[in-house]
Amino acid sequence: MRQILIFIATTFILVSCRKDKVQEVTITPEECPETISYTNDIQPFLDINCSTSGCHDSNTGSAGYVLEQHSQVEEHAEIILSVIRHESGFSAMPQGGPKLPDSTIQKMECWIGQGKLFN
């Protein structure tokens, strides 16, 4: 009986964590011809669509994510990328809005691929 409970618990843990897996971001230099600036390219679209929208600010922290500072964005960058790509297993963001432009998503991909610089 104990072995069955351990099997069930292990199976539940493995299945429940499946949706949290994020894809590794691999970007070649040719795809990102210029260095992406956190301050000029990443923070503005996050401010408009995420943190100042009343969802992921310090007052609301929807789903446990606050995206107001570089360190917060850096920590959750791959998850942010998955949700703005509208990947399967993730809540599509911005919630209730259209998918962000491909150029914006590519900037996020490049910023991650370039090391998530605070520039």
PDB file of N, CA and C in Angstrom:
ATOM      1  N   MET A   1       0.824  -1.194   0.000  1.00  0.00           N
ATOM      2  CA  MET A   1       0.000   0.000   0.000  1.00  0.00           C
ATOM      3  C   MET A   1       0.870   1.260   0.000  1.00  0.00           C
ATOM      4  N   ARG A   2       1.933   1.238   0.791  1.00  0.00           N
ATOM      5  CA  ARG A   2       2.809   2.408   0.874  1.00  0.00           C
ATOM      6  C   ARG A   2       3.458   2.694  -0.483  1.00  0.00           C
ATOM      7  N   GLN A   3       3.853   1.644  -1.200  1.00  0.00           N
ATOM      8  CA  GLN A   3       4.470   1.808  -2.510  1.00  0.00           C
ATOM      9  C   GLN A   3       3.494   2.420  -3.507  1.00  0.00           C
ATOM     10  N   ILE A   4       2.254   2.047  -3.408  1.00  0.00           N
ATOM     11  CA  ILE A   4       1.231   2.606  -4.296  1.00  0.00           C
ATOM     12  C   ILE A   4       1.061   4.096  -4.025  1.00  0.00           C
ATOM     13  N   LEU A   5       1.028   4.485  -2.759  1.00  0.00           N
ATOM     14  CA  LEU A   5       0.896   5.902  -2.406  1.00  0.00           C
ATOM     15  C   LEU A   5       2.102   6.704  -2.883  1.00  0.00           C
ATOM     16  N   ILE A   6       3.283   6.139  -2.737  1.00  0.00           N
ATOM     17  CA  ILE A   6       4.485   6.830  -3.216  1.00  0.00           C
ATOM     18  C   ILE A   6       4.433   6.977  -4.731  1.00  0.00           C
ATOM     19  N   PHE A   7       4.014   5.933  -5.433  1.00  0.00           N
ATOM     20  CA  PHE A   7       3.884   5.996  -6.887  1.00  0.00           C
ATOM     21  C   PHE A   7       2.885   7.071  -7.306  1.00  0.00           C
ATOM     22  N   ILE A   8       1.749   7.099  -6.663  1.00  0.00           N
ATOM     23  CA  ILE A   8       0.716   8.091  -6.994  1.00  0.00           C
ATOM     24  C   ILE A   8       1.221   9.495  -6.717  1.00  0.00           C
ATOM     25  N   ALA A   9       1.864   9.692  -5.570  1.00  0.00           N
ATOM     26  CA  ALA A   9       2.387  11.021  -5.224  1.00  0.00           C
ATOM     27  C   ALA A   9       3.449  11.464  -6.220  1.00  0.00           C
ATOM     28  N   THR A  10       4.353  10.584  -6.595  1.00  0.00           N
ATOM     29  CA  THR A  10       5.396  10.908  -7.559  1.00  0.00           C
ATOM     30  C   THR A  10       4.799  11.245  -8.918  1.00  0.00           C
ATOM     31  N   THR A  11       3.849  10.466  -9.362  1.00  0.00           N
ATOM     32  CA  THR A  11       3.185  10.725 -10.635  1.00  0.00           C
ATOM     33  C   THR A  11       2.489  12.080 -10.613  1.00  0.00           C
ATOM     34  N   PHE A  12       1.801  12.385  -9.535  1.00  0.00           N
ATOM     35  CA  PHE A  12       1.110  13.665  -9.414  1.00  0.00           C
ATOM     36  C   PHE A  12       2.091  14.824  -9.494  1.00  0.00           C
ATOM     37  N   ILE A  13       3.215  14.713  -8.799  1.00  0.00           N
ATOM     38  CA  ILE A  13       4.213  15.789  -8.806  1.00  0.00           C
ATOM     39  C   ILE A  13       4.763  15.991 -10.215  1.00  0.00           C
ATOM     40  N   LEU A  14       5.088  14.901 -10.889  1.00  0.00           N
ATOM     41  CA  LEU A  14       5.642  15.023 -12.243  1.00  0.00           C
ATOM     42  C   LEU A  14       4.651  15.622 -13.219  1.00  0.00           C
ATOM     43  N   VAL A  15       3.409  15.224 -13.142  1.00  0.00           N
ATOM     44  CA  VAL A  15       2.389  15.737 -14.052  1.00  0.00           C
ATOM     45  C   VAL A  15       2.060  17.188 -13.739  1.00  0.00           C
ATOM     46  N   SER A  16       1.968  17.545 -12.476  1.00  0.00           N
ATOM     47  CA  SER A  16       1.582  18.908 -12.113  1.00  0.00           C
ATOM     48  C   SER A  16       2.661  19.917 -12.454  1.00  0.00           C
ATOM     49  N   CYS A  17       3.906  19.524 -12.525  1.00  0.00           N
ATOM     50  CA  CYS A  17       4.992  20.445 -12.842  1.00  0.00           C
ATOM     51  C   CYS A  17       5.210  20.596 -14.342  1.00  0.00           C
ATOM     52  N   ARG A  18       4.549  19.817 -15.133  1.00  0.00           N
ATOM     53  CA  ARG A  18       4.750  19.822 -16.573  1.00  0.00           C
ATOM     54  C   ARG A  18       4.486  21.172 -17.205  1.00  0.00           C
ATOM     55  N   LYS A  19       3.476  21.883 -16.767  1.00  0.00           N
ATOM     56  CA  LYS A  19       3.125  23.148 -17.411  1.00  0.00           C
ATOM     57  C   LYS A  19       4.108  24.266 -17.123  1.00  0.00           C
ATOM     58  N   ASP A  20       4.964  24.081 -16.104  1.00  0.00           N
ATOM     59  CA  ASP A  20       5.912  25.115 -15.738  1.00  0.00           C
ATOM     60  C   ASP A  20       7.226  25.041 -16.506  1.00  0.00           C
ATOM     61  N   LYS A  21       7.378  24.076 -17.374  1.00  0.00           N
ATOM     62  CA  LYS A  21       8.630  23.944 -18.109  1.00  0.00           C
ATOM     63  C   LYS A  21       8.702  25.032 -19.166  1.00  0.00           C
ATOM     64  N   VAL A  22       9.858  25.674 -19.231  1.00  0.00           N
ATOM     65  CA  VAL A  22      10.070  26.722 -20.220  1.00  0.00           C
ATOM     66  C   VAL A  22      11.132  26.261 -21.195  1.00  0.00           C
ATOM     67  N   GLN A  23      11.036  26.734 -22.405  1.00  0.00           N
ATOM     68  CA  GLN A  23      12.000  26.380 -23.428  1.00  0.00           C
ATOM     69  C   GLN A  23      13.253  27.216 -23.242  1.00  0.00           C
ATOM     70  N   GLU A  24      14.388  26.591 -23.488  1.00  0.00           N
ATOM     71  CA  GLU A  24      15.643  27.322 -23.480  1.00  0.00           C
ATOM     72  C   GLU A  24      15.648  28.270 -24.670  1.00  0.00           C
ATOM     73  N   VAL A  25      16.175  29.450 -24.463  1.00  0.00           N
ATOM     74  CA  VAL A  25      16.243  30.430 -25.537  1.00  0.00           C
ATOM     75  C   VAL A  25      17.631  30.370 -26.145  1.00  0.00           C
ATOM     76  N   THR A  26      17.693  30.032 -27.419  1.00  0.00           N
ATOM     77  CA  THR A  26      18.954  29.989 -28.135  1.00  0.00           C
ATOM     78  C   THR A  26      18.843  30.949 -29.302  1.00  0.00           C
ATOM     79  N   ILE A  27      19.607  32.002 -29.234  1.00  0.00           N
ATOM     80  CA  ILE A  27      19.567  33.042 -30.264  1.00  0.00           C
ATOM     81  C   ILE A  27      20.962  33.159 -30.872  1.00  0.00           C
ATOM     82  N   THR A  28      21.022  33.178 -32.185  1.00  0.00           N
ATOM     83  CA  THR A  28      22.309  33.368 -32.844  1.00  0.00           C
ATOM     84  C   THR A  28      22.544  34.859 -33.062  1.00  0.00           C
ATOM     85  N   PRO A  29      23.802  35.286 -33.130  1.00  0.00           N
ATOM     86  CA  PRO A  29      24.098  36.717 -33.326  1.00  0.00           C
ATOM     87  C   PRO A  29      23.438  37.311 -34.571  1.00  0.00           C
ATOM     88  N   GLU A  30      23.253  36.490 -35.603  1.00  0.00           N
ATOM     89  CA  GLU A  30      22.643  36.996 -36.836  1.00  0.00           C
ATOM     90  C   GLU A  30      21.186  37.411 -36.616  1.00  0.00           C
ATOM     91  N   GLU A  31      20.521  36.764 -35.678  1.00  0.00           N
ATOM     92  CA  GLU A  31      19.126  37.077 -35.408  1.00  0.00           C
ATOM     93  C   GLU A  31      18.968  38.357 -34.595  1.00  0.00           C
ATOM     94  N   CYS A  32      20.029  38.763 -33.931  1.00  0.00           N
ATOM     95  CA  CYS A  32      20.008  39.967 -33.091  1.00  0.00           C
ATOM     96  C   CYS A  32      21.148  40.872 -33.531  1.00  0.00           C
ATOM     97  N   PRO A  33      20.931  41.643 -34.569  1.00  0.00           N
ATOM     98  CA  PRO A  33      22.017  42.442 -35.121  1.00  0.00           C
ATOM     99  C   PRO A  33      22.509  43.555 -34.196  1.00  0.00           C
ATOM    100  N   GLU A  34      21.748  43.885 -33.182  1.00  0.00           N
ATOM    101  CA  GLU A  34      22.175  44.944 -32.261  1.00  0.00           C
ATOM    102  C   GLU A  34      21.912  44.501 -30.832  1.00  0.00           C
ATOM    103  N   THR A  35      22.614  45.136 -29.910  1.00  0.00           N
ATOM    104  CA  THR A  35      22.416  44.834 -28.504  1.00  0.00           C
ATOM    105  C   THR A  35      21.082  45.413 -28.058  1.00  0.00           C
ATOM    106  N   ILE A  36      20.291  44.593 -27.395  1.00  0.00           N
ATOM    107  CA  ILE A  36      18.995  45.034 -26.903  1.00  0.00           C
ATOM    108  C   ILE A  36      19.185  45.691 -25.549  1.00  0.00           C
ATOM    109  N   SER A  37      18.580  46.844 -25.375  1.00  0.00           N
ATOM    110  CA  SER A  37      18.686  47.606 -24.137  1.00  0.00           C
ATOM    111  C   SER A  37      17.491  47.313 -23.236  1.00  0.00           C
ATOM    112  N   TYR A  38      17.774  46.933 -22.006  1.00  0.00           N
ATOM    113  CA  TYR A  38      16.685  46.725 -21.050  1.00  0.00           C
ATOM    114  C   TYR A  38      15.898  48.024 -20.879  1.00  0.00           C
ATOM    115  N   THR A  39      16.619  49.113 -20.664  1.00  0.00           N
ATOM    116  CA  THR A  39      15.980  50.400 -20.388  1.00  0.00           C
ATOM    117  C   THR A  39      15.163  50.917 -21.567  1.00  0.00           C
ATOM    118  N   ASN A  40      15.681  50.770 -22.782  1.00  0.00           N
ATOM    119  CA  ASN A  40      15.011  51.338 -23.960  1.00  0.00           C
ATOM    120  C   ASN A  40      14.078  50.378 -24.689  1.00  0.00           C
ATOM    121  N   ASP A  41      14.332  49.069 -24.588  1.00  0.00           N
ATOM    122  CA  ASP A  41      13.559  48.109 -25.382  1.00  0.00           C
ATOM    123  C   ASP A  41      12.645  47.206 -24.554  1.00  0.00           C
ATOM    124  N   ILE A  42      13.106  46.748 -23.413  1.00  0.00           N
ATOM    125  CA  ILE A  42      12.358  45.760 -22.633  1.00  0.00           C
ATOM    126  C   ILE A  42      11.437  46.428 -21.616  1.00  0.00           C
ATOM    127  N   GLN A  43      11.993  47.274 -20.792  1.00  0.00           N
ATOM    128  CA  GLN A  43      11.195  47.916 -19.740  1.00  0.00           C
ATOM    129  C   GLN A  43       9.977  48.670 -20.278  1.00  0.00           C
ATOM    130  N   PRO A  44      10.091  49.421 -21.375  1.00  0.00           N
ATOM    131  CA  PRO A  44       8.900  50.140 -21.862  1.00  0.00           C
ATOM    132  C   PRO A  44       7.719  49.229 -22.213  1.00  0.00           C
ATOM    133  N   PHE A  45       7.958  48.113 -22.910  1.00  0.00           N
ATOM    134  CA  PHE A  45       6.817  47.268 -23.256  1.00  0.00           C
ATOM    135  C   PHE A  45       6.280  46.539 -22.034  1.00  0.00           C
ATOM    136  N   LEU A  46       7.140  46.227 -21.064  1.00  0.00           N
ATOM    137  CA  LEU A  46       6.652  45.611 -19.822  1.00  0.00           C
ATOM    138  C   LEU A  46       5.845  46.614 -18.998  1.00  0.00           C
ATOM    139  N   ASP A  47       6.304  47.844 -18.960  1.00  0.00           N
ATOM    140  CA  ASP A  47       5.565  48.880 -18.226  1.00  0.00           C
ATOM    141  C   ASP A  47       4.159  49.047 -18.799  1.00  0.00           C
ATOM    142  N   ILE A  48       4.060  49.125 -20.096  1.00  0.00           N
ATOM    143  CA  ILE A  48       2.768  49.347 -20.746  1.00  0.00           C
ATOM    144  C   ILE A  48       1.843  48.140 -20.623  1.00  0.00           C
ATOM    145  N   ASN A  49       2.381  46.951 -20.826  1.00  0.00           N
ATOM    146  CA  ASN A  49       1.549  45.753 -20.918  1.00  0.00           C
ATOM    147  C   ASN A  49       1.473  44.918 -19.650  1.00  0.00           C
ATOM    148  N   CYS A  50       2.380  45.132 -18.718  1.00  0.00           N
ATOM    149  CA  CYS A  50       2.453  44.215 -17.571  1.00  0.00           C
ATOM    150  C   CYS A  50       2.419  44.922 -16.215  1.00  0.00           C
ATOM    151  N   SER A  51       3.416  45.746 -15.941  1.00  0.00           N
ATOM    152  CA  SER A  51       3.540  46.272 -14.578  1.00  0.00           C
ATOM    153  C   SER A  51       2.628  47.457 -14.279  1.00  0.00           C
ATOM    154  N   THR A  52       2.467  48.382 -15.192  1.00  0.00           N
ATOM    155  CA  THR A  52       1.601  49.527 -14.894  1.00  0.00           C
ATOM    156  C   THR A  52       0.158  49.288 -15.320  1.00  0.00           C
ATOM    157  N   SER A  53      -0.120  48.106 -15.818  1.00  0.00           N
ATOM    158  CA  SER A  53      -1.483  47.791 -16.240  1.00  0.00           C
ATOM    159  C   SER A  53      -2.358  47.382 -15.062  1.00  0.00           C
ATOM    160  N   GLY A  54      -1.763  47.332 -13.869  1.00  0.00           N
ATOM    161  CA  GLY A  54      -2.512  46.906 -12.699  1.00  0.00           C
ATOM    162  C   GLY A  54      -2.479  45.408 -12.495  1.00  0.00           C
ATOM    163  N   CYS A  55      -1.599  44.734 -13.200  1.00  0.00           N
ATOM    164  CA  CYS A  55      -1.503  43.275 -13.071  1.00  0.00           C
ATOM    165  C   CYS A  55      -0.243  42.842 -12.324  1.00  0.00           C
ATOM    166  N   HIS A  56       0.901  43.242 -12.803  1.00  0.00           N
ATOM    167  CA  HIS A  56       2.159  42.766 -12.233  1.00  0.00           C
ATOM    168  C   HIS A  56       2.961  43.906 -11.613  1.00  0.00           C
ATOM    169  N   ASP A  57       2.251  44.791 -10.927  1.00  0.00           N
ATOM    170  CA  ASP A  57       2.909  45.862 -10.185  1.00  0.00           C
ATOM    171  C   ASP A  57       3.054  45.433  -8.723  1.00  0.00           C
ATOM    172  N   SER A  58       3.738  46.242  -7.927  1.00  0.00           N
ATOM    173  CA  SER A  58       3.989  45.865  -6.534  1.00  0.00           C
ATOM    174  C   SER A  58       2.720  45.822  -5.695  1.00  0.00           C
ATOM    175  N   ASN A  59       1.677  46.534  -6.103  1.00  0.00           N
ATOM    176  CA  ASN A  59       0.416  46.499  -5.356  1.00  0.00           C
ATOM    177  C   ASN A  59      -0.408  45.258  -5.659  1.00  0.00           C
ATOM    178  N   THR A  60      -0.358  44.800  -6.889  1.00  0.00           N
ATOM    179  CA  THR A  60      -1.204  43.691  -7.320  1.00  0.00           C
ATOM    180  C   THR A  60      -0.454  42.365  -7.332  1.00  0.00           C
ATOM    181  N   GLY A  61       0.671  42.316  -7.999  1.00  0.00           N
ATOM    182  CA  GLY A  61       1.482  41.104  -8.075  1.00  0.00           C
ATOM    183  C   GLY A  61       0.704  39.893  -8.556  1.00  0.00           C
ATOM    184  N   SER A  62      -0.059  40.072  -9.608  1.00  0.00           N
ATOM    185  CA  SER A  62      -0.896  38.997 -10.132  1.00  0.00           C
ATOM    186  C   SER A  62      -0.082  37.725 -10.358  1.00  0.00           C
ATOM    187  N   ALA A  63      -0.628  36.601  -9.929  1.00  0.00           N
ATOM    188  CA  ALA A  63      -0.016  35.270 -10.033  1.00  0.00           C
ATOM    189  C   ALA A  63       1.351  35.212  -9.356  1.00  0.00           C
ATOM    190  N   GLY A  64       1.633  36.166  -8.474  1.00  0.00           N
ATOM    191  CA  GLY A  64       2.895  36.160  -7.745  1.00  0.00           C
ATOM    192  C   GLY A  64       4.051  36.810  -8.483  1.00  0.00           C
ATOM    193  N   TYR A  65       3.774  37.479  -9.598  1.00  0.00           N
ATOM    194  CA  TYR A  65       4.831  38.103 -10.385  1.00  0.00           C
ATOM    195  C   TYR A  65       4.730  39.622 -10.303  1.00  0.00           C
ATOM    196  N   VAL A  66       5.817  40.249  -9.883  1.00  0.00           N
ATOM    197  CA  VAL A  66       5.967  41.696  -9.918  1.00  0.00           C
ATOM    198  C   VAL A  66       7.070  41.963 -10.933  1.00  0.00           C
ATOM    199  N   LEU A  67       6.780  42.805 -11.913  1.00  0.00           N
ATOM    200  CA  LEU A  67       7.715  43.027 -13.019  1.00  0.00           C
ATOM    201  C   LEU A  67       8.059  44.500 -13.165  1.00  0.00           C
ATOM    202  N   GLU A  68       8.448  45.112 -12.078  1.00  0.00           N
ATOM    203  CA  GLU A  68       8.760  46.533 -12.107  1.00  0.00           C
ATOM    204  C   GLU A  68      10.260  46.827 -12.182  1.00  0.00           C
ATOM    205  N   GLN A  69      11.086  45.897 -11.764  1.00  0.00           N
ATOM    206  CA  GLN A  69      12.518  46.149 -11.705  1.00  0.00           C
ATOM    207  C   GLN A  69      13.278  45.101 -12.508  1.00  0.00           C
ATOM    208  N   HIS A  70      14.465  45.483 -12.950  1.00  0.00           N
ATOM    209  CA  HIS A  70      15.292  44.578 -13.753  1.00  0.00           C
ATOM    210  C   HIS A  70      15.466  43.224 -13.084  1.00  0.00           C
ATOM    211  N   SER A  71      15.788  43.187 -11.815  1.00  0.00           N
ATOM    212  CA  SER A  71      16.035  41.914 -11.131  1.00  0.00           C
ATOM    213  C   SER A  71      14.803  41.004 -11.171  1.00  0.00           C
ATOM    214  N   GLN A  72      13.619  41.588 -11.076  1.00  0.00           N
ATOM    215  CA  GLN A  72      12.376  40.802 -11.128  1.00  0.00           C
ATOM    216  C   GLN A  72      12.152  40.254 -12.531  1.00  0.00           C
ATOM    217  N   VAL A  73      12.403  41.074 -13.523  1.00  0.00           N
ATOM    218  CA  VAL A  73      12.227  40.655 -14.919  1.00  0.00           C
ATOM    219  C   VAL A  73      13.280  39.611 -15.281  1.00  0.00           C
ATOM    220  N   GLU A  74      14.509  39.839 -14.868  1.00  0.00           N
ATOM    221  CA  GLU A  74      15.596  38.894 -15.141  1.00  0.00           C
ATOM    222  C   GLU A  74      15.285  37.518 -14.559  1.00  0.00           C
ATOM    223  N   GLU A  75      14.775  37.488 -13.350  1.00  0.00           N
ATOM    224  CA  GLU A  75      14.461  36.225 -12.675  1.00  0.00           C
ATOM    225  C   GLU A  75      13.387  35.425 -13.415  1.00  0.00           C
ATOM    226  N   HIS A  76      12.436  36.113 -14.007  1.00  0.00           N
ATOM    227  CA  HIS A  76      11.297  35.443 -14.635  1.00  0.00           C
ATOM    228  C   HIS A  76      11.302  35.574 -16.163  1.00  0.00           C
ATOM    229  N   ALA A  77      12.425  35.920 -16.756  1.00  0.00           N
ATOM    230  CA  ALA A  77      12.492  36.239 -18.184  1.00  0.00           C
ATOM    231  C   ALA A  77      11.984  35.119 -19.087  1.00  0.00           C
ATOM    232  N   GLU A  78      12.367  33.884 -18.809  1.00  0.00           N
ATOM    233  CA  GLU A  78      11.953  32.784 -19.672  1.00  0.00           C
ATOM    234  C   GLU A  78      10.447  32.538 -19.574  1.00  0.00           C
ATOM    235  N   ILE A  79       9.885  32.714 -18.391  1.00  0.00           N
ATOM    236  CA  ILE A  79       8.439  32.560 -18.230  1.00  0.00           C
ATOM    237  C   ILE A  79       7.721  33.693 -18.957  1.00  0.00           C
ATOM    238  N   ILE A  80       8.238  34.905 -18.818  1.00  0.00           N
ATOM    239  CA  ILE A  80       7.654  36.050 -19.525  1.00  0.00           C
ATOM    240  C   ILE A  80       7.644  35.760 -21.025  1.00  0.00           C
ATOM    241  N   LEU A  81       8.764  35.258 -21.532  1.00  0.00           N
ATOM    242  CA  LEU A  81       8.846  34.952 -22.955  1.00  0.00           C
ATOM    243  C   LEU A  81       7.815  33.900 -23.345  1.00  0.00           C
ATOM    244  N   SER A  82       7.658  32.878 -22.545  1.00  0.00           N
ATOM    245  CA  SER A  82       6.680  31.823 -22.853  1.00  0.00           C
ATOM    246  C   SER A  82       5.261  32.363 -22.895  1.00  0.00           C
ATOM    247  N   VAL A  83       4.911  33.253 -21.971  1.00  0.00           N
ATOM    248  CA  VAL A  83       3.534  33.758 -21.948  1.00  0.00           C
ATOM    249  C   VAL A  83       3.273  34.765 -23.063  1.00  0.00           C
ATOM    250  N   ILE A  84       4.293  35.555 -23.437  1.00  0.00           N
ATOM    251  CA  ILE A  84       4.047  36.498 -24.537  1.00  0.00           C
ATOM    252  C   ILE A  84       4.103  35.806 -25.887  1.00  0.00           C
ATOM    253  N   ARG A  85       4.732  34.641 -25.948  1.00  0.00           N
ATOM    254  CA  ARG A  85       4.704  33.832 -27.175  1.00  0.00           C
ATOM    255  C   ARG A  85       3.382  33.066 -27.306  1.00  0.00           C
ATOM    256  N   HIS A  86       2.600  33.040 -26.244  1.00  0.00           N
ATOM    257  CA  HIS A  86       1.350  32.275 -26.168  1.00  0.00           C
ATOM    258  C   HIS A  86       1.617  30.778 -26.324  1.00  0.00           C
ATOM    259  N   GLU A  87       2.668  30.299 -25.645  1.00  0.00           N
ATOM    260  CA  GLU A  87       3.014  28.883 -25.706  1.00  0.00           C
ATOM    261  C   GLU A  87       1.993  28.045 -24.956  1.00  0.00           C
ATOM    262  N   SER A  88       1.829  26.835 -25.416  1.00  0.00           N
ATOM    263  CA  SER A  88       0.924  25.876 -24.786  1.00  0.00           C
ATOM    264  C   SER A  88       1.370  25.612 -23.356  1.00  0.00           C
ATOM    265  N   GLY A  89       0.406  25.568 -22.444  1.00  0.00           N
ATOM    266  CA  GLY A  89       0.704  25.309 -21.041  1.00  0.00           C
ATOM    267  C   GLY A  89       0.925  26.568 -20.220  1.00  0.00           C
ATOM    268  N   PHE A  90       0.875  27.741 -20.854  1.00  0.00           N
ATOM    269  CA  PHE A  90       1.056  29.014 -20.172  1.00  0.00           C
ATOM    270  C   PHE A  90      -0.143  29.909 -20.455  1.00  0.00           C
ATOM    271  N   SER A  91      -0.474  30.767 -19.512  1.00  0.00           N
ATOM    272  CA  SER A  91      -1.537  31.749 -19.717  1.00  0.00           C
ATOM    273  C   SER A  91      -1.041  32.795 -20.698  1.00  0.00           C
ATOM    274  N   ALA A  92      -1.767  32.989 -21.777  1.00  0.00           N
ATOM    275  CA  ALA A  92      -1.373  33.960 -22.796  1.00  0.00           C
ATOM    276  C   ALA A  92      -1.453  35.372 -22.228  1.00  0.00           C
ATOM    277  N   MET A  93      -0.397  36.131 -22.453  1.00  0.00           N
ATOM    278  CA  MET A  93      -0.346  37.513 -21.980  1.00  0.00           C
ATOM    279  C   MET A  93      -0.032  38.419 -23.157  1.00  0.00           C
ATOM    280  N   PRO A  94      -0.466  39.673 -23.086  1.00  0.00           N
ATOM    281  CA  PRO A  94      -1.245  40.282 -22.011  1.00  0.00           C
ATOM    282  C   PRO A  94      -2.649  39.676 -21.943  1.00  0.00           C
ATOM    283  N   GLN A  95      -3.100  39.484 -20.737  1.00  0.00           N
ATOM    284  CA  GLN A  95      -4.392  38.843 -20.517  1.00  0.00           C
ATOM    285  C   GLN A  95      -5.510  39.670 -21.136  1.00  0.00           C
ATOM    286  N   GLY A  96      -6.332  39.008 -21.923  1.00  0.00           N
ATOM    287  CA  GLY A  96      -7.464  39.668 -22.555  1.00  0.00           C
ATOM    288  C   GLY A  96      -7.093  40.551 -23.727  1.00  0.00           C
ATOM    289  N   GLY A  97      -5.812  40.605 -24.066  1.00  0.00           N
ATOM    290  CA  GLY A  97      -5.376  41.450 -25.167  1.00  0.00           C
ATOM    291  C   GLY A  97      -4.779  40.621 -26.279  1.00  0.00           C
ATOM    292  N   PRO A  98      -4.483  41.270 -27.388  1.00  0.00           N
ATOM    293  CA  PRO A  98      -3.881  40.540 -28.513  1.00  0.00           C
ATOM    294  C   PRO A  98      -2.420  40.202 -28.207  1.00  0.00           C
ATOM    295  N   LYS A  99      -1.916  39.248 -28.942  1.00  0.00           N
ATOM    296  CA  LYS A  99      -0.508  38.876 -28.821  1.00  0.00           C
ATOM    297  C   LYS A  99       0.347  40.082 -29.197  1.00  0.00           C
ATOM    298  N   LEU A 100       1.448  40.250 -28.480  1.00  0.00           N
ATOM    299  CA  LEU A 100       2.353  41.360 -28.783  1.00  0.00           C
ATOM    300  C   LEU A 100       2.973  41.163 -30.159  1.00  0.00           C
ATOM    301  N   PRO A 101       3.419  42.240 -30.784  1.00  0.00           N
ATOM    302  CA  PRO A 101       4.031  42.122 -32.116  1.00  0.00           C
ATOM    303  C   PRO A 101       5.256  41.206 -32.082  1.00  0.00           C
ATOM    304  N   ASP A 102       5.492  40.504 -33.187  1.00  0.00           N
ATOM    305  CA  ASP A 102       6.649  39.614 -33.279  1.00  0.00           C
ATOM    306  C   ASP A 102       7.953  40.360 -33.012  1.00  0.00           C
ATOM    307  N   SER A 103       8.038  41.608 -33.416  1.00  0.00           N
ATOM    308  CA  SER A 103       9.262  42.387 -33.192  1.00  0.00           C
ATOM    309  C   SER A 103       9.522  42.583 -31.700  1.00  0.00           C
ATOM    310  N   THR A 104       8.476  42.752 -30.916  1.00  0.00           N
ATOM    311  CA  THR A 104       8.621  42.895 -29.467  1.00  0.00           C
ATOM    312  C   THR A 104       9.057  41.574 -28.850  1.00  0.00           C
ATOM    313  N   ILE A 105       8.456  40.491 -29.299  1.00  0.00           N
ATOM    314  CA  ILE A 105       8.827  39.163 -28.792  1.00  0.00           C
ATOM    315  C   ILE A 105      10.283  38.862 -29.147  1.00  0.00           C
ATOM    316  N   GLN A 106      10.700  39.216 -30.354  1.00  0.00           N
ATOM    317  CA  GLN A 106      12.083  38.985 -30.752  1.00  0.00           C
ATOM    318  C   GLN A 106      13.045  39.796 -29.888  1.00  0.00           C
ATOM    319  N   LYS A 107      12.682  41.012 -29.527  1.00  0.00           N
ATOM    320  CA  LYS A 107      13.539  41.803 -28.634  1.00  0.00           C
ATOM    321  C   LYS A 107      13.725  41.096 -27.298  1.00  0.00           C
ATOM    322  N   MET A 108      12.646  40.522 -26.775  1.00  0.00           N
ATOM    323  CA  MET A 108      12.748  39.788 -25.509  1.00  0.00           C
ATOM    324  C   MET A 108      13.647  38.571 -25.685  1.00  0.00           C
ATOM    325  N   GLU A 109      13.485  37.845 -26.777  1.00  0.00           N
ATOM    326  CA  GLU A 109      14.333  36.684 -27.066  1.00  0.00           C
ATOM    327  C   GLU A 109      15.803  37.092 -27.129  1.00  0.00           C
ATOM    328  N   CYS A 110      16.078  38.175 -27.848  1.00  0.00           N
ATOM    329  CA  CYS A 110      17.455  38.642 -28.003  1.00  0.00           C
ATOM    330  C   CYS A 110      18.028  39.109 -26.670  1.00  0.00           C
ATOM    331  N   TRP A 111      17.237  39.832 -25.906  1.00  0.00           N
ATOM    332  CA  TRP A 111      17.706  40.321 -24.605  1.00  0.00           C
ATOM    333  C   TRP A 111      18.097  39.141 -23.711  1.00  0.00           C
ATOM    334  N   ILE A 112      17.286  38.106 -23.696  1.00  0.00           N
ATOM    335  CA  ILE A 112      17.609  36.914 -22.909  1.00  0.00           C
ATOM    336  C   ILE A 112      18.873  36.258 -23.463  1.00  0.00           C
ATOM    337  N   GLY A 113      18.926  36.092 -24.768  1.00  0.00           N
ATOM    338  CA  GLY A 113      20.090  35.469 -25.411  1.00  0.00           C
ATOM    339  C   GLY A 113      21.371  36.243 -25.212  1.00  0.00           C
ATOM    340  N   GLN A 114      21.252  37.544 -25.023  1.00  0.00           N
ATOM    341  CA  GLN A 114      22.424  38.398 -24.819  1.00  0.00           C
ATOM    342  C   GLN A 114      22.829  38.496 -23.343  1.00  0.00           C
ATOM    343  N   GLY A 115      22.140  37.754 -22.498  1.00  0.00           N
ATOM    344  CA  GLY A 115      22.556  37.698 -21.094  1.00  0.00           C
ATOM    345  C   GLY A 115      21.730  38.523 -20.128  1.00  0.00           C
ATOM    346  N   LYS A 116      20.568  39.030 -20.569  1.00  0.00           N
ATOM    347  CA  LYS A 116      19.653  39.788 -19.693  1.00  0.00           C
ATOM    348  C   LYS A 116      20.359  40.997 -19.049  1.00  0.00           C
ATOM    349  N   LEU A 117      21.063  41.722 -19.872  1.00  0.00           N
ATOM    350  CA  LEU A 117      21.857  42.861 -19.379  1.00  0.00           C
ATOM    351  C   LEU A 117      20.974  43.957 -18.795  1.00  0.00           C
ATOM    352  N   PHE A 118      21.514  44.647 -17.807  1.00  0.00           N
ATOM    353  CA  PHE A 118      20.841  45.818 -17.231  1.00  0.00           C
ATOM    354  C   PHE A 118      21.500  47.047 -17.852  1.00  0.00           C
ATOM    355  N   ASN A 119      21.082  47.341 -19.066  1.00  0.00           N
ATOM    356  CA  ASN A 119      21.671  48.434 -19.823  1.00  0.00           C
ATOM    357  C   ASN A 119      20.612  49.388 -20.325  1.00  0.00           C
TER     358      ASN A 119
END
